Amino acid sequence: MKKEPILQIRQITKTFGSTKALMDVSIDFFPGEIRGLIGENGSGKSTVSNIIMGVHEPDSGKMLLKGSIYVPGNMMDAIEHKICMVVQEMATINNLTVAENIFLGLEKQFAKNGVVDKKQMNQKAKRVLEQVSLENVKPTTNVNSLSFEDRKLLEVGRALYSNPDILIVDETTTALSQRGRTIMYEVMHRLADEEKCVICISHDIEELMEHADGVSVMRDGHFVRTVAKKDLDESLLKSLMIGRELGEHYYRDNFEAHKCEEIVLKVENLCFEGLVRHVSFDLHKGEILGIGGLTDCGMHQLGRMIFGIDKPDQGKVTLTAANQQIKNPQCAVKNKMAYLSKNRDQEALMLNSTIQENICLSSMDKLKKGIFVLPGHEKRLAKEKGTLMNVKMSGVNQTVSALSGGNKQKVVIAKWLANDSEVLILDCPTRGIDIGVKASIYRLMEQLTAQGKSIIMISEEMPELIGMSDRIIVMKDGKISGTFRRSAELGEQDIISCMI
């Protein structure tokens, strides 16, 4: 017997100013399924999820939940209707305990005579943590001390506590290691087995082909089609997403070794709190140096130290041309270094500021005439770099928080291009980015190195490391465990053997 849809979206339209985010979108979601939802950045998929969750109100159209009209007033209203969402970026509250984060806004259920029974709350939190394989995390632990991954799994546990009929997973798996992804997939399949519905928004086509029962594709605010599991094909999904055939070569198509011997940056004996231990290497002019390893190998911490955000316990970072030691980010920026953080929204952008303010932030000295910054120069620079990066925007005065994830990343890159950066540290530069934007970032990296700029690319994606790097440094337990040069024969197994 054919199942009835659990959620029906009917002719939904949504605009933000002059931007048409959704146009006449209709999609059905069914119980007992994991439904993939894909599209390029700015295609409208996150707008759909935000309308389902009551974050945005549609301009027109309607939704039906189990056959009845569904008009959520806000996220709490959606949760009361048993619809929950786990997002890509951090959604836990600092300086609260694990238990307090799980039951934020739900404390009344533990209250007696106006006093919250913390013991009862912690006991229930322990059971929630077990559902997401966080048995070793204490409910009384301050959430600040947890890793990014454990905080994301904590958010999944918080969503499961509401016993949702529909769980929206918005780009969450891209922020997780293989361990975290495995836990997330187990949760998703468990809910589907219980006749719940999981809507999985993802740029990872391989992930959706393996785990989804069907994939709905969006493009430029329109719903294109839903592809059933039996018809899932990587080339088909890519062409539906971008409206054209996309060649297989995202990465560099040559395997010539980088030949320039000029050293632009030296990293010597860097150590930090046991997370990074005696790391030394040189970066050459025009080189893409890949750094890879498992999530907690120390590579992300290394990037922060090279840019001067965190002070090493010992060791130093030196720009060789000026013999300048990098001790803080101000010094790094002044000497034309750039850093793209893995945690884009928290560390790389001012979300409530305009695109112009973000792009020009690192270039104020360049824009000054005397002690003044000329507004006309600022606007021209923002337009020039925003156009170069093909940022989808209504104008440079648009607030960054209104942009899609991919367009936010373009703004971050535009900011550093505006400052004429010569050494760029890119930490997971394509995390949460669709295939079209990913390919454009790879082409930009090639253009920058052809101009003599140098790149350190920290990545958790093996194909990216092999496909783009001139050299690859592999880290394990805070140390360098292997180094590989670009080669057509280099395979993933070679690198994995040094990671584990």
Protein backbone atom coordinates (compact mmCIF):
# COMPACT_ATOMS: atom_id res chain seq x y z
CA MET A 1 0.00 0.00 0.00
CA LYS A 2 1.36 3.41 -1.01
CA LYS A 3 2.38 5.63 1.89
CA GLU A 4 0.84 9.05 2.37
CA PRO A 5 3.28 11.97 2.64
CA ILE A 6 4.15 13.08 6.17
CA LEU A 7 5.00 16.59 4.93
CA GLN A 8 3.81 18.32 1.78
CA ILE A 9 5.23 21.61 0.49
CA ARG A 10 2.93 23.23 -2.01
CA GLN A 11 3.85 26.14 -4.34
CA ILE A 12 6.07 27.90 -1.78
CA THR A 13 7.59 31.21 -2.87
CA LYS A 14 10.01 33.28 -0.78
CA THR A 15 11.94 36.47 -1.57
CA PHE A 16 14.52 38.41 0.41
CA GLY A 17 14.53 41.94 -0.99
CA SER A 18 15.28 41.54 -4.69
CA THR A 19 16.58 37.98 -4.21
CA LYS A 20 14.13 35.24 -5.23
CA ALA A 21 15.11 32.42 -2.86
CA LEU A 22 12.22 30.03 -3.70
CA MET A 23 9.84 30.06 -6.62
CA ASP A 24 6.73 27.90 -6.67
CA VAL A 25 8.41 24.95 -4.89
CA SER A 26 6.41 21.77 -4.28
CA ILE A 27 7.97 18.66 -2.65
CA ASP A 28 6.53 15.64 -0.79
CA PHE A 29 8.38 13.87 2.04
CA PHE A 30 7.38 10.39 3.26
CA PRO A 31 7.60 8.47 6.54
CA GLY A 32 10.21 5.71 6.74
CA GLU A 33 12.61 7.42 4.34
CA ILE A 34 15.90 9.29 4.31
CA ARG A 35 15.43 11.99 1.69
CA GLY A 36 18.46 13.79 0.32
CA LEU A 37 18.11 17.46 -0.58
CA ILE A 38 20.87 18.89 -2.76
CA GLY A 39 21.64 21.92 -4.87
CA GLU A 40 24.36 24.47 -5.37
CA ASN A 41 24.88 27.12 -2.69
CA GLY A 42 22.04 29.61 -3.08
CA SER A 43 19.73 27.04 -4.70
CA GLY A 44 17.16 27.43 -1.90
CA LYS A 45 17.53 24.18 0.04
CA SER A 46 18.34 25.90 3.36
CA THR A 47 15.47 28.33 2.81
CA VAL A 48 13.15 25.33 2.46
CA SER A 49 14.40 23.89 5.77
CA ASN A 50 14.07 27.27 7.50
CA ILE A 51 10.48 27.62 6.32
CA ILE A 52 9.70 24.10 7.57
CA MET A 53 11.22 25.09 10.94
CA GLY A 54 9.31 28.37 11.18
CA VAL A 55 12.43 30.54 10.91
CA HIS A 56 11.07 32.18 7.74
CA GLU A 57 7.49 32.72 6.65
CA PRO A 58 6.75 32.02 2.98
CA ASP A 59 5.38 34.81 0.79
CA SER A 60 2.87 32.38 -0.71
CA GLY A 61 2.05 28.69 -0.81
CA LYS A 62 1.27 26.27 2.02
CA MET A 63 2.51 23.24 3.93
CA LEU A 64 0.59 20.16 5.06
CA LEU A 65 1.79 18.05 8.00
CA LYS A 66 0.10 14.63 8.16
CA GLY A 67 -2.67 16.03 5.97
CA SER A 68 -3.39 19.14 8.07
CA ILE A 69 -2.37 22.73 7.37
CA TYR A 70 0.97 23.45 9.04
CA VAL A 71 1.96 27.06 9.79
CA PRO A 72 4.85 27.13 12.30
CA GLY A 73 5.28 30.44 14.11
CA ASN A 74 8.87 29.78 15.16
CA MET A 75 11.35 26.96 15.84
CA MET A 76 9.79 26.04 19.18
CA ASP A 77 6.45 25.71 17.44
CA ALA A 78 8.04 23.37 14.87
CA ILE A 79 9.59 21.28 17.66
CA GLU A 80 6.17 21.00 19.33
CA HIS A 81 4.93 19.62 16.00
CA LYS A 82 7.76 17.05 16.26
CA ILE A 83 10.01 18.58 13.60
CA CYS A 84 13.65 19.18 14.60
CA MET A 85 16.75 20.38 12.78
CA VAL A 86 20.50 19.93 13.31
CA VAL A 87 22.54 22.57 11.51
CA GLN A 88 26.09 22.67 10.11
CA GLU A 89 27.43 25.44 12.34
CA MET A 90 27.71 25.43 16.13
CA ALA A 91 24.40 25.62 17.98
CA THR A 92 25.41 24.87 21.56
CA ILE A 93 25.67 27.63 24.18
CA ASN A 94 29.06 28.30 25.75
CA ASN A 95 29.56 28.28 29.52
CA LEU A 96 26.61 25.94 30.13
CA THR A 97 26.87 22.28 31.07
CA VAL A 98 26.08 19.47 28.66
CA ALA A 99 22.78 18.79 30.46
CA GLU A 100 21.83 22.48 30.46
CA ASN A 101 22.40 22.60 26.69
CA ILE A 102 20.27 19.51 26.08
CA PHE A 103 17.34 20.84 28.09
CA LEU A 104 17.67 24.56 27.29
CA GLY A 105 14.14 25.96 27.41
CA LEU A 106 12.81 22.72 28.88
CA GLU A 107 13.98 23.20 32.46
CA LYS A 108 10.42 23.38 33.83
CA GLN A 109 9.99 19.62 33.55
CA PHE A 110 12.68 19.24 36.23
CA ALA A 111 11.43 22.06 38.47
CA LYS A 112 10.01 21.50 41.96
CA ASN A 113 8.70 24.55 43.77
CA GLY A 114 10.54 26.75 41.29
CA VAL A 115 13.91 25.00 41.75
CA VAL A 116 15.43 22.86 39.01
CA ASP A 117 16.35 19.35 40.16
CA LYS A 118 19.84 19.14 38.62
CA LYS A 119 20.29 15.51 39.67
CA GLN A 120 17.19 14.43 37.75
CA MET A 121 18.24 16.57 34.76
CA ASN A 122 21.70 15.01 34.69
CA GLN A 123 20.30 11.49 34.91
CA LYS A 124 18.03 12.09 31.92
CA ALA A 125 20.87 13.79 30.02
CA LYS A 126 22.98 10.66 30.50
CA ARG A 127 20.35 8.60 28.67
CA VAL A 128 20.25 11.16 25.84
CA LEU A 129 24.05 11.02 25.47
CA GLU A 130 23.95 7.24 25.18
CA GLN A 131 21.74 7.55 22.07
CA VAL A 132 24.57 9.34 20.23
CA SER A 133 27.48 7.24 21.61
CA LEU A 134 28.66 9.94 24.04
CA GLU A 135 28.60 7.65 27.08
CA ASN A 136 31.98 8.97 28.19
CA VAL A 137 30.77 12.59 28.35
CA LYS A 138 29.50 13.66 31.77
CA PRO A 139 26.25 15.70 31.87
CA THR A 140 27.92 18.10 34.32
CA THR A 141 30.81 18.88 31.92
CA ASN A 142 31.08 22.47 30.68
CA VAL A 143 30.31 22.32 26.96
CA ASN A 144 33.32 24.58 26.23
CA SER A 145 35.64 21.64 26.93
CA LEU A 146 34.07 19.39 24.27
CA SER A 147 35.44 19.01 20.75
CA PHE A 148 33.52 20.48 17.82
CA GLU A 149 32.39 16.99 16.84
CA ASP A 150 31.10 16.06 20.29
CA ARG A 151 29.20 19.33 20.45
CA LYS A 152 27.53 18.49 17.12
CA LEU A 153 26.60 15.02 18.38
CA LEU A 154 25.25 16.67 21.52
CA GLU A 155 22.95 18.73 19.29
CA VAL A 156 21.79 15.52 17.60
CA GLY A 157 20.98 14.06 21.03
CA ARG A 158 19.07 17.22 21.92
CA ALA A 159 16.98 16.84 18.76
CA LEU A 160 16.31 13.14 19.46
CA TYR A 161 15.04 13.98 22.95
CA SER A 162 12.05 15.67 21.31
CA ASN A 163 11.21 12.34 19.60
CA PRO A 164 10.84 13.98 16.17
CA ASP A 165 8.70 12.61 13.39
CA ILE A 166 10.84 14.64 10.98
CA LEU A 167 14.55 15.32 11.50
CA ILE A 168 16.30 17.80 9.20
CA VAL A 169 20.06 17.26 9.02
CA ASP A 170 21.46 20.43 7.39
CA GLU A 171 25.08 19.85 6.25
CA THR A 172 25.90 18.33 9.64
CA THR A 173 27.99 15.38 8.45
CA THR A 174 30.55 17.64 6.73
CA ALA A 175 31.66 18.86 10.17
CA LEU A 176 32.18 15.32 11.52
CA SER A 177 35.01 12.78 11.37
CA GLN A 178 34.35 9.25 10.14
CA ARG A 179 33.44 8.24 13.71
CA GLY A 180 30.91 11.05 13.98
CA ARG A 181 29.47 10.35 10.55
CA THR A 182 28.99 6.68 11.41
CA ILE A 183 27.05 7.67 14.54
CA MET A 184 24.97 10.15 12.53
CA TYR A 185 24.14 7.56 9.85
CA GLU A 186 23.09 5.06 12.53
CA VAL A 187 20.72 7.66 13.98
CA MET A 188 19.27 8.47 10.56
CA HIS A 189 18.62 4.84 9.63
CA ARG A 190 17.18 4.11 13.08
CA LEU A 191 14.64 6.92 12.64
CA ALA A 192 13.73 5.72 9.14
CA ASP A 193 13.22 2.19 10.49
CA GLU A 194 10.81 3.70 13.04
CA GLU A 195 8.77 5.21 10.16
CA LYS A 196 10.13 8.69 10.85
CA CYS A 197 11.35 10.96 8.05
CA VAL A 198 14.93 12.28 7.75
CA ILE A 199 15.64 15.18 5.38
CA CYS A 200 19.40 15.20 4.74
CA ILE A 201 20.78 18.36 3.15
CA SER A 202 24.25 17.58 1.84
CA HIS A 203 26.82 18.41 -0.84
CA ASP A 204 28.30 14.93 -0.50
CA ILE A 205 26.75 13.03 -3.40
CA GLU A 206 28.47 9.77 -2.48
CA GLU A 207 26.99 10.03 1.02
CA LEU A 208 23.47 10.48 -0.35
CA MET A 209 23.83 7.68 -2.89
CA GLU A 210 24.79 5.30 -0.08
CA HIS A 211 22.28 6.35 2.59
CA ALA A 212 19.33 8.14 0.97
CA ASP A 213 16.15 6.49 -0.31
CA GLY A 214 15.75 9.30 -2.82
CA VAL A 215 17.28 12.69 -3.60
CA SER A 216 15.40 15.92 -4.34
CA VAL A 217 17.35 18.44 -6.42
CA MET A 218 17.01 22.23 -6.31
CA ARG A 219 18.49 24.85 -8.63
CA ASP A 220 18.22 28.65 -8.49
CA GLY A 221 15.20 28.59 -6.17
CA HIS A 222 13.30 25.98 -8.20
CA PHE A 223 12.56 22.34 -7.40
CA VAL A 224 13.97 20.28 -10.29
CA ARG A 225 13.00 16.67 -9.54
CA THR A 226 13.28 13.83 -7.03
CA VAL A 227 15.46 10.91 -8.13
CA ALA A 228 14.54 7.49 -6.67
CA LYS A 229 17.29 5.37 -5.09
CA LYS A 230 17.33 2.89 -7.97
CA ASP A 231 18.03 5.73 -10.43
CA LEU A 232 20.68 7.56 -8.38
CA ASP A 233 23.70 8.36 -10.52
CA GLU A 234 26.46 10.82 -9.67
CA SER A 235 26.65 12.39 -13.14
CA LEU A 236 22.87 12.77 -13.30
CA LEU A 237 22.68 14.49 -9.91
CA LYS A 238 25.51 16.87 -10.79
CA SER A 239 23.92 17.87 -14.09
CA LEU A 240 20.52 18.39 -12.42
CA MET A 241 22.16 20.60 -9.77
CA ILE A 242 24.01 22.92 -12.13
CA GLY A 243 21.89 22.61 -15.28
CA ARG A 244 24.77 21.41 -17.41
CA GLU A 245 27.26 18.57 -17.64
CA LEU A 246 30.22 19.04 -15.29
CA GLY A 247 33.50 17.44 -16.30
CA GLU A 248 35.18 15.00 -13.97
CA HIS A 249 38.27 17.18 -13.46
CA TYR A 250 37.64 19.23 -10.35
CA TYR A 251 41.28 18.88 -9.44
CA ARG A 252 44.52 19.75 -11.19
CA ASP A 253 44.97 17.73 -14.37
CA ASN A 254 48.76 17.69 -14.31
CA PHE A 255 51.14 15.83 -12.03
CA GLU A 256 54.30 17.84 -12.63
CA ALA A 257 56.33 18.41 -9.47
CA HIS A 258 56.58 21.99 -8.20
CA LYS A 259 60.04 23.23 -9.17
CA CYS A 260 60.55 26.59 -7.43
CA GLU A 261 63.10 26.26 -4.63
CA GLU A 262 62.50 29.73 -3.15
CA ILE A 263 61.27 29.39 0.47
CA VAL A 264 58.68 31.98 1.52
CA LEU A 265 57.81 30.64 4.97
CA LYS A 266 59.64 28.50 7.53
CA VAL A 267 57.91 26.61 10.35
CA GLU A 268 60.42 25.48 12.96
CA ASN A 269 59.83 23.09 15.85
CA LEU A 270 56.27 24.23 16.66
CA CYS A 271 54.74 22.74 19.83
CA PHE A 272 51.41 23.47 21.52
CA GLU A 273 49.97 21.84 24.65
CA GLY A 274 50.66 18.30 23.42
CA LEU A 275 48.35 18.85 20.43
CA VAL A 276 51.22 19.81 18.11
CA ARG A 277 54.67 18.35 18.70
CA HIS A 278 57.91 19.51 17.06
CA VAL A 279 56.50 20.28 13.62
CA SER A 280 58.92 21.79 11.07
CA PHE A 281 58.58 22.39 7.32
CA ASP A 282 59.21 24.95 4.55
CA LEU A 283 56.65 26.46 2.18
CA HIS A 284 57.90 27.33 -1.33
CA LYS A 285 56.86 30.14 -3.63
CA GLY A 286 53.93 29.13 -5.85
CA GLU A 287 53.35 25.87 -3.98
CA ILE A 288 50.19 24.23 -2.68
CA LEU A 289 51.25 22.38 0.45
CA GLY A 290 48.54 20.02 1.68
CA ILE A 291 48.32 19.05 5.34
CA GLY A 292 46.10 16.08 6.19
CA GLY A 293 45.28 13.64 8.95
CA LEU A 294 42.44 12.51 11.17
CA THR A 295 40.32 15.24 12.80
CA ASP A 296 42.26 15.42 16.08
CA CYS A 297 45.77 14.99 14.62
CA GLY A 298 46.72 18.62 15.35
CA MET A 299 46.56 20.02 11.82
CA HIS A 300 43.81 22.57 12.55
CA GLN A 301 45.71 23.80 15.61
CA LEU A 302 48.84 24.07 13.47
CA GLY A 303 47.10 26.43 11.04
CA ARG A 304 46.07 28.72 13.89
CA MET A 305 49.65 28.87 15.19
CA ILE A 306 51.16 29.62 11.77
CA PHE A 307 48.84 32.65 11.50
CA GLY A 308 49.67 33.75 15.06
CA ILE A 309 46.21 33.18 16.60
CA ASP A 310 47.60 30.78 19.21
CA LYS A 311 51.06 31.26 20.69
CA PRO A 312 53.24 28.13 20.49
CA ASP A 313 54.88 26.70 23.60
CA GLN A 314 58.06 26.62 21.55
CA GLY A 315 59.20 27.08 17.97
CA LYS A 316 58.64 29.90 15.50
CA VAL A 317 57.10 30.86 12.15
CA THR A 318 59.15 33.13 9.86
CA LEU A 319 58.45 34.87 6.56
CA THR A 320 61.85 34.54 4.93
CA ALA A 321 61.93 37.53 2.53
CA ALA A 322 61.59 40.06 5.34
CA ASN A 323 62.99 37.75 8.03
CA GLN A 324 59.76 38.54 9.89
CA GLN A 325 58.65 36.28 12.73
CA ILE A 326 54.85 35.90 12.94
CA LYS A 327 53.74 36.31 16.54
CA ASN A 328 50.13 37.47 16.16
CA PRO A 329 47.41 37.86 13.48
CA GLN A 330 48.04 41.63 13.16
CA CYS A 331 51.62 40.93 12.13
CA ALA A 332 50.45 38.19 9.75
CA VAL A 333 47.91 40.45 8.00
CA LYS A 334 50.40 43.32 7.76
CA ASN A 335 52.83 40.94 6.02
CA LYS A 336 50.23 39.72 3.50
CA MET A 337 49.24 36.44 5.11
CA ALA A 338 45.67 35.10 5.06
CA TYR A 339 43.81 32.52 7.13
CA LEU A 340 40.49 30.87 6.28
CA SER A 341 39.17 29.22 9.42
CA LYS A 342 37.38 25.87 9.36
CA ASN A 343 34.74 27.48 11.60
CA ARG A 344 33.64 30.09 9.08
CA ASP A 345 30.69 31.70 10.86
CA GLN A 346 32.40 31.92 14.26
CA GLU A 347 35.90 33.00 13.26
CA ALA A 348 36.04 34.26 9.66
CA LEU A 349 33.03 36.55 9.25
CA MET A 350 31.11 39.37 10.94
CA LEU A 351 27.69 37.89 10.21
CA ASN A 352 25.67 40.97 11.12
CA SER A 353 27.83 43.28 9.01
CA THR A 354 27.62 43.95 5.28
CA ILE A 355 29.51 42.20 2.51
CA GLN A 356 31.45 45.42 1.96
CA GLU A 357 32.50 45.68 5.60
CA ASN A 358 33.65 42.05 5.61
CA ILE A 359 35.60 42.23 2.36
CA CYS A 360 37.36 45.46 3.29
CA LEU A 361 38.11 44.52 6.90
CA SER A 362 41.70 43.39 6.32
CA SER A 363 42.49 46.17 3.83
CA MET A 364 41.91 49.35 5.84
CA ASP A 365 45.56 50.45 5.64
CA LYS A 366 45.41 50.06 1.88
CA LEU A 367 42.19 52.13 1.68
CA LYS A 368 43.32 54.98 3.91
CA LYS A 369 44.17 58.41 2.61
CA GLY A 370 45.90 59.99 5.56
CA ILE A 371 43.85 58.97 8.56
CA PHE A 372 40.59 58.59 6.63
CA VAL A 373 39.07 55.67 4.75
CA LEU A 374 37.39 56.91 1.61
CA PRO A 375 33.92 55.32 1.26
CA GLY A 376 34.14 55.34 -2.55
CA HIS A 377 37.40 53.38 -2.53
CA GLU A 378 35.94 50.93 -0.01
CA LYS A 379 32.85 50.31 -2.14
CA ARG A 380 34.88 49.87 -5.33
CA LEU A 381 37.18 47.33 -3.68
CA ALA A 382 34.25 45.34 -2.28
CA LYS A 383 32.47 45.31 -5.66
CA GLU A 384 35.64 44.31 -7.49
CA LYS A 385 36.49 41.36 -5.24
CA GLY A 386 32.87 40.32 -4.76
CA THR A 387 32.42 40.22 -8.53
CA LEU A 388 35.72 38.36 -8.96
CA MET A 389 34.46 35.67 -6.57
CA ASN A 390 31.01 35.68 -8.22
CA VAL A 391 29.23 36.25 -4.90
CA LYS A 392 25.46 35.91 -5.39
CA MET A 393 24.23 39.09 -3.69
CA SER A 394 21.74 41.91 -4.08
CA GLY A 395 24.63 44.34 -3.51
CA VAL A 396 27.68 44.90 -1.30
CA ASN A 397 25.44 46.42 1.39
CA GLN A 398 23.65 43.11 1.89
CA THR A 399 24.17 41.53 5.31
CA VAL A 400 26.45 38.48 5.23
CA SER A 401 24.11 36.44 7.46
CA ALA A 402 21.58 36.38 4.59
CA LEU A 403 24.01 34.57 2.26
CA SER A 404 24.23 30.84 1.62
CA GLY A 405 27.20 28.89 2.98
CA GLY A 406 29.05 28.89 -0.33
CA ASN A 407 28.60 32.61 -0.84
CA LYS A 408 29.80 33.27 2.71
CA GLN A 409 32.97 31.34 1.88
CA LYS A 410 33.39 33.42 -1.27
CA VAL A 411 33.22 36.59 0.87
CA VAL A 412 35.94 35.22 3.18
CA ILE A 413 38.21 34.54 0.21
CA ALA A 414 37.38 37.94 -1.30
CA LYS A 415 38.45 39.57 1.98
CA TRP A 416 41.93 38.11 1.72
CA LEU A 417 42.27 38.75 -2.01
CA ALA A 418 41.42 42.39 -1.28
CA ASN A 419 44.52 42.58 0.92
CA ASP A 420 46.75 41.13 -1.85
CA SER A 421 47.69 38.17 0.36
CA GLU A 422 50.83 36.29 -0.69
CA VAL A 423 50.65 33.34 1.73
CA LEU A 424 47.22 31.77 2.29
CA ILE A 425 46.36 29.22 4.98
CA LEU A 426 43.13 27.50 3.94
CA ASP A 427 41.60 25.27 6.61
CA CYS A 428 38.98 22.99 4.99
CA PRO A 429 38.31 25.58 2.23
CA THR A 430 35.56 23.53 0.56
CA ARG A 431 33.73 22.23 3.65
CA GLY A 432 29.99 22.54 3.08
CA ILE A 433 30.49 23.87 -0.45
CA ASP A 434 28.64 22.59 -3.51
CA ILE A 435 30.46 21.06 -6.47
CA GLY A 436 30.22 24.17 -8.65
CA VAL A 437 31.75 26.49 -6.02
CA LYS A 438 34.26 23.80 -5.06
CA ALA A 439 35.52 23.62 -8.65
CA SER A 440 35.78 27.43 -8.85
CA ILE A 441 37.83 27.54 -5.62
CA TYR A 442 40.21 24.91 -7.01
CA ARG A 443 40.65 26.93 -10.22
CA LEU A 444 41.29 30.06 -8.12
CA MET A 445 43.97 28.21 -6.15
CA GLU A 446 45.69 27.31 -9.41
CA GLN A 447 45.52 30.92 -10.60
CA LEU A 448 46.95 32.23 -7.33
CA THR A 449 49.90 29.85 -7.34
CA ALA A 450 50.55 30.68 -11.03
CA GLN A 451 50.91 34.30 -9.84
CA GLY A 452 53.55 33.17 -7.35
CA LYS A 453 51.35 33.09 -4.26
CA SER A 454 51.77 30.18 -1.84
CA ILE A 455 49.05 28.10 -0.19
CA ILE A 456 48.88 25.83 2.86
CA MET A 457 45.70 23.75 2.45
CA ILE A 458 44.58 21.87 5.56
CA SER A 459 41.99 19.27 4.56
CA GLU A 460 40.12 16.25 5.86
CA GLU A 461 39.24 15.18 2.29
CA MET A 462 41.66 12.70 0.77
CA PRO A 463 40.76 13.31 -2.92
CA GLU A 464 41.23 17.04 -2.37
CA LEU A 465 44.68 16.56 -0.84
CA ILE A 466 45.85 14.25 -3.61
CA GLY A 467 44.16 16.21 -6.39
CA MET A 468 45.39 19.71 -5.49
CA SER A 469 48.66 19.49 -3.52
CA ASP A 470 52.24 19.73 -4.76
CA ARG A 471 53.33 18.14 -1.48
CA ILE A 472 51.33 16.51 1.27
CA ILE A 473 52.35 16.48 4.92
CA VAL A 474 50.46 13.87 6.96
CA MET A 475 50.04 14.36 10.71
CA LYS A 476 49.32 11.82 13.42
CA ASP A 477 49.14 12.48 17.19
CA GLY A 478 50.46 16.02 16.70
CA LYS A 479 53.56 14.98 14.72
CA ILE A 480 54.47 14.73 11.05
CA SER A 481 54.13 11.05 10.16
CA GLY A 482 54.77 11.20 6.43
CA THR A 483 55.48 13.46 3.44
CA PHE A 484 54.47 12.79 -0.17
CA ARG A 485 55.20 14.61 -3.43
CA ARG A 486 52.64 15.05 -6.19
CA SER A 487 52.45 11.97 -8.36
CA ALA A 488 49.95 10.19 -10.59
CA GLU A 489 50.76 7.00 -8.69
CA LEU A 490 50.00 8.43 -5.24
CA GLY A 491 46.89 6.76 -3.79
CA GLU A 492 44.69 7.17 -0.76
CA GLN A 493 46.06 4.01 0.87
CA ASP A 494 49.57 5.50 0.87
CA ILE A 495 48.34 8.45 2.93
CA ILE A 496 46.00 6.44 5.17
CA SER A 497 48.90 4.24 6.25
CA CYS A 498 50.53 7.33 7.80
CA MET A 499 47.31 8.63 9.38
CA ILE A 500 46.35 5.56 11.42
